[in-house]
N, C-alpha and C. Protein backbone atom coordinates (compact mmCIF):
# COMPACT_ATOMS: atom_id res chain seq x y z
N UNK A 1 -14.48 -109.41 119.41
CA UNK A 1 -13.38 -109.53 118.50
C UNK A 1 -12.59 -110.75 118.84
N UNK A 2 -12.25 -111.54 117.84
CA UNK A 2 -11.46 -112.79 118.08
C UNK A 2 -9.96 -112.46 117.83
N UNK A 3 -9.15 -113.17 118.61
CA UNK A 3 -7.76 -113.08 118.45
C UNK A 3 -7.24 -114.17 117.62
N UNK A 4 -6.43 -113.83 116.56
CA UNK A 4 -5.90 -114.86 115.65
C UNK A 4 -4.84 -115.62 116.35
N UNK A 5 -4.79 -116.89 116.00
CA UNK A 5 -3.74 -117.81 116.50
C UNK A 5 -2.41 -117.41 115.97
N UNK A 6 -1.38 -117.65 116.80
CA UNK A 6 -0.03 -117.36 116.37
C UNK A 6 0.66 -118.66 116.02
N UNK A 7 1.49 -118.59 114.95
CA UNK A 7 2.23 -119.80 114.50
C UNK A 7 3.74 -119.43 114.48
N UNK A 8 4.55 -120.44 114.53
CA UNK A 8 6.04 -120.21 114.45
C UNK A 8 6.54 -120.87 113.16
N UNK A 9 7.33 -120.13 112.39
CA UNK A 9 8.00 -120.64 111.21
C UNK A 9 9.52 -120.36 111.34
N UNK A 10 10.27 -121.16 110.69
CA UNK A 10 11.75 -120.89 110.55
C UNK A 10 11.99 -120.17 109.22
N UNK A 11 12.72 -119.05 109.35
CA UNK A 11 13.09 -118.24 108.18
C UNK A 11 14.61 -118.38 107.98
N UNK A 12 15.01 -118.67 106.74
CA UNK A 12 16.46 -118.71 106.43
C UNK A 12 16.74 -117.74 105.33
N UNK A 13 17.72 -116.90 105.57
CA UNK A 13 18.18 -115.90 104.54
C UNK A 13 19.55 -116.23 104.10
N UNK A 14 19.77 -116.24 102.84
CA UNK A 14 21.09 -116.63 102.26
C UNK A 14 21.69 -115.44 101.52
N UNK A 15 23.04 -115.56 101.41
CA UNK A 15 23.90 -114.51 100.66
C UNK A 15 23.64 -113.12 101.11
N UNK A 16 23.44 -112.17 100.25
CA UNK A 16 23.27 -110.74 100.60
C UNK A 16 21.97 -110.46 101.29
N UNK A 17 21.02 -111.49 101.35
CA UNK A 17 19.78 -111.25 102.01
C UNK A 17 19.95 -111.16 103.56
N UNK A 18 21.11 -111.64 104.04
CA UNK A 18 21.31 -111.66 105.51
C UNK A 18 21.41 -110.24 106.06
N UNK A 19 21.54 -109.23 105.23
CA UNK A 19 21.59 -107.84 105.75
C UNK A 19 20.17 -107.40 106.21
N UNK A 20 19.12 -108.18 105.92
CA UNK A 20 17.81 -107.91 106.34
C UNK A 20 17.35 -108.68 107.60
N UNK A 21 18.21 -109.56 108.01
CA UNK A 21 17.89 -110.32 109.20
C UNK A 21 18.89 -111.46 109.39
N UNK A 22 18.79 -112.16 110.54
CA UNK A 22 19.76 -113.27 110.72
C UNK A 22 19.61 -114.34 109.72
N UNK A 23 20.67 -115.12 109.51
CA UNK A 23 20.63 -116.12 108.46
C UNK A 23 19.61 -117.27 108.84
N UNK A 24 19.24 -117.44 110.09
CA UNK A 24 18.26 -118.36 110.50
C UNK A 24 17.58 -117.86 111.76
N UNK A 25 16.22 -117.88 111.74
CA UNK A 25 15.53 -117.40 112.93
C UNK A 25 14.11 -118.00 112.96
N UNK A 26 13.59 -118.12 114.17
CA UNK A 26 12.25 -118.48 114.40
C UNK A 26 11.40 -117.22 114.37
N UNK A 27 10.33 -117.17 113.60
CA UNK A 27 9.53 -116.01 113.47
C UNK A 27 8.09 -116.35 113.80
N UNK A 28 7.43 -115.45 114.58
CA UNK A 28 6.04 -115.62 114.91
C UNK A 28 5.20 -114.81 113.95
N UNK A 29 4.16 -115.47 113.42
CA UNK A 29 3.23 -114.84 112.48
C UNK A 29 1.82 -115.24 112.86
N UNK A 30 0.83 -114.40 112.39
CA UNK A 30 -0.51 -114.77 112.56
C UNK A 30 -0.89 -115.96 111.75
N UNK A 31 -1.71 -116.81 112.17
CA UNK A 31 -2.19 -118.01 111.39
C UNK A 31 -2.77 -117.33 110.10
N UNK A 32 -2.47 -118.08 108.94
CA UNK A 32 -2.99 -117.66 107.69
C UNK A 32 -2.08 -116.63 106.94
N UNK A 33 -0.86 -116.39 107.55
CA UNK A 33 0.06 -115.55 106.91
C UNK A 33 0.70 -116.20 105.70
N UNK A 34 1.16 -115.34 104.75
CA UNK A 34 1.74 -115.86 103.47
C UNK A 34 3.24 -115.53 103.44
N UNK A 35 3.86 -116.00 102.34
CA UNK A 35 5.25 -115.69 102.10
C UNK A 35 5.45 -114.17 102.07
N UNK A 36 4.53 -113.41 101.46
CA UNK A 36 4.60 -111.95 101.41
C UNK A 36 4.69 -111.34 102.81
N UNK A 37 4.07 -112.00 103.84
CA UNK A 37 4.11 -111.52 105.18
C UNK A 37 5.54 -111.47 105.74
N UNK A 38 6.33 -112.50 105.36
CA UNK A 38 7.61 -112.58 105.80
C UNK A 38 8.50 -111.48 105.08
N UNK A 39 8.31 -111.34 103.79
CA UNK A 39 9.03 -110.35 103.05
C UNK A 39 8.81 -108.92 103.60
N UNK A 40 7.56 -108.62 103.98
CA UNK A 40 7.24 -107.32 104.61
C UNK A 40 7.85 -107.23 106.02
N UNK A 41 7.74 -108.30 106.76
CA UNK A 41 8.30 -108.30 108.16
C UNK A 41 9.82 -108.05 108.21
N UNK A 42 10.48 -108.59 107.19
CA UNK A 42 11.97 -108.39 107.18
C UNK A 42 12.37 -107.18 106.30
N UNK A 43 11.37 -106.41 105.86
CA UNK A 43 11.63 -105.18 105.04
C UNK A 43 12.63 -105.46 103.84
N UNK A 44 12.40 -106.55 103.15
CA UNK A 44 13.18 -106.87 101.97
C UNK A 44 12.56 -105.94 100.89
N UNK A 45 13.41 -105.12 100.29
CA UNK A 45 12.87 -104.09 99.28
C UNK A 45 12.42 -104.76 97.99
N UNK A 46 11.56 -104.01 97.28
CA UNK A 46 10.92 -104.52 96.05
C UNK A 46 11.95 -104.99 95.05
N UNK A 47 13.11 -104.29 94.93
CA UNK A 47 14.07 -104.71 93.93
C UNK A 47 14.67 -106.09 94.20
N UNK A 48 14.48 -106.58 95.40
CA UNK A 48 14.91 -107.92 95.77
C UNK A 48 13.84 -108.97 95.56
N UNK A 49 12.76 -108.62 94.87
CA UNK A 49 11.61 -109.51 94.76
C UNK A 49 11.77 -110.69 93.81
N UNK A 50 12.84 -110.68 93.05
CA UNK A 50 13.14 -111.83 92.19
C UNK A 50 13.99 -112.83 93.02
N UNK A 51 13.31 -113.61 93.85
CA UNK A 51 13.94 -114.48 94.79
C UNK A 51 13.63 -115.95 94.47
N UNK A 52 14.54 -116.84 94.92
CA UNK A 52 14.23 -118.24 94.86
C UNK A 52 13.72 -118.57 96.31
N UNK A 53 12.49 -119.11 96.32
CA UNK A 53 11.87 -119.30 97.63
C UNK A 53 11.57 -120.77 97.78
N UNK A 54 12.02 -121.39 98.89
CA UNK A 54 11.69 -122.77 99.23
C UNK A 54 10.87 -122.81 100.47
N UNK A 55 9.81 -123.58 100.50
CA UNK A 55 9.04 -123.88 101.69
C UNK A 55 9.16 -125.36 101.94
N UNK A 56 9.76 -125.70 103.03
CA UNK A 56 10.04 -127.10 103.39
C UNK A 56 10.77 -127.86 102.27
N UNK A 57 11.68 -127.12 101.64
CA UNK A 57 12.53 -127.75 100.57
C UNK A 57 11.93 -127.82 99.19
N UNK A 58 10.71 -127.23 99.07
CA UNK A 58 10.04 -127.23 97.75
C UNK A 58 9.94 -125.83 97.20
N UNK A 59 10.18 -125.63 95.94
CA UNK A 59 10.04 -124.27 95.34
C UNK A 59 8.63 -123.76 95.44
N UNK A 60 8.46 -122.52 95.73
CA UNK A 60 7.17 -121.86 95.74
C UNK A 60 7.30 -120.61 94.98
N UNK A 61 6.38 -120.45 93.98
CA UNK A 61 6.37 -119.24 93.15
C UNK A 61 5.27 -118.32 93.50
N UNK A 62 4.25 -118.79 94.23
CA UNK A 62 3.13 -117.93 94.58
C UNK A 62 3.40 -117.30 95.96
N UNK A 63 3.63 -115.97 95.99
CA UNK A 63 4.00 -115.34 97.24
C UNK A 63 2.81 -115.18 98.18
N UNK A 64 1.58 -115.55 97.72
CA UNK A 64 0.41 -115.58 98.53
C UNK A 64 0.20 -116.96 99.12
N UNK A 65 1.21 -117.87 98.93
CA UNK A 65 1.13 -119.22 99.45
C UNK A 65 1.01 -119.08 101.03
N UNK A 66 -0.02 -119.72 101.61
CA UNK A 66 -0.27 -119.66 103.01
C UNK A 66 0.61 -120.64 103.74
N UNK A 67 1.30 -120.17 104.76
CA UNK A 67 2.25 -120.93 105.54
C UNK A 67 1.53 -121.62 106.77
N UNK A 68 2.16 -122.65 107.19
CA UNK A 68 1.59 -123.42 108.33
C UNK A 68 2.60 -123.44 109.49
N UNK A 69 2.14 -123.65 110.65
CA UNK A 69 2.98 -123.74 111.83
C UNK A 69 4.10 -124.78 111.59
N UNK A 70 5.34 -124.41 111.89
CA UNK A 70 6.42 -125.39 111.77
C UNK A 70 7.11 -125.35 110.41
N UNK A 71 6.61 -124.58 109.42
CA UNK A 71 7.19 -124.55 108.10
C UNK A 71 8.59 -123.92 108.21
N UNK A 72 9.45 -124.26 107.23
CA UNK A 72 10.77 -123.67 107.04
C UNK A 72 10.77 -122.99 105.76
N UNK A 73 11.02 -121.68 105.71
CA UNK A 73 11.02 -120.89 104.46
C UNK A 73 12.45 -120.41 104.23
N UNK A 74 12.99 -120.69 103.05
CA UNK A 74 14.38 -120.29 102.67
C UNK A 74 14.27 -119.34 101.51
N UNK A 75 15.04 -118.20 101.65
CA UNK A 75 15.08 -117.20 100.59
C UNK A 75 16.49 -117.12 100.07
N UNK A 76 16.63 -117.21 98.76
CA UNK A 76 17.94 -117.10 98.07
C UNK A 76 17.85 -116.01 97.02
N UNK A 77 18.87 -115.20 96.89
CA UNK A 77 18.86 -114.25 95.78
C UNK A 77 18.93 -114.96 94.47
N UNK A 78 18.64 -114.34 93.34
CA UNK A 78 18.83 -115.04 92.06
C UNK A 78 20.28 -115.37 91.87
N UNK A 79 20.47 -116.58 91.25
CA UNK A 79 21.86 -117.04 91.04
C UNK A 79 22.30 -116.67 89.63
N UNK A 80 23.42 -116.01 89.56
CA UNK A 80 23.92 -115.58 88.23
C UNK A 80 25.04 -116.54 87.87
N UNK A 81 25.21 -116.73 86.63
CA UNK A 81 26.33 -117.54 86.17
C UNK A 81 27.15 -116.83 85.07
N UNK A 82 28.23 -117.45 84.69
CA UNK A 82 28.97 -116.77 83.69
C UNK A 82 30.08 -117.63 83.13
């Protein structure tokens, strides 16, 4: 049985998402993990799934996007206006 490599990413949570974890943290994941892996790891509930997600400052809409060692992932709740 082979052991998967571990990678480190920076996770940033903004606004009311900080109740699921620190506003900035280094997180260890298995190589090949996706954005969904972080959402599950932080126990962000399904009703919070309409999020604005940036990976290294670029918007990502595919939650199966595979992350790389050293990536920075930022999660923002939807922005409402009025």
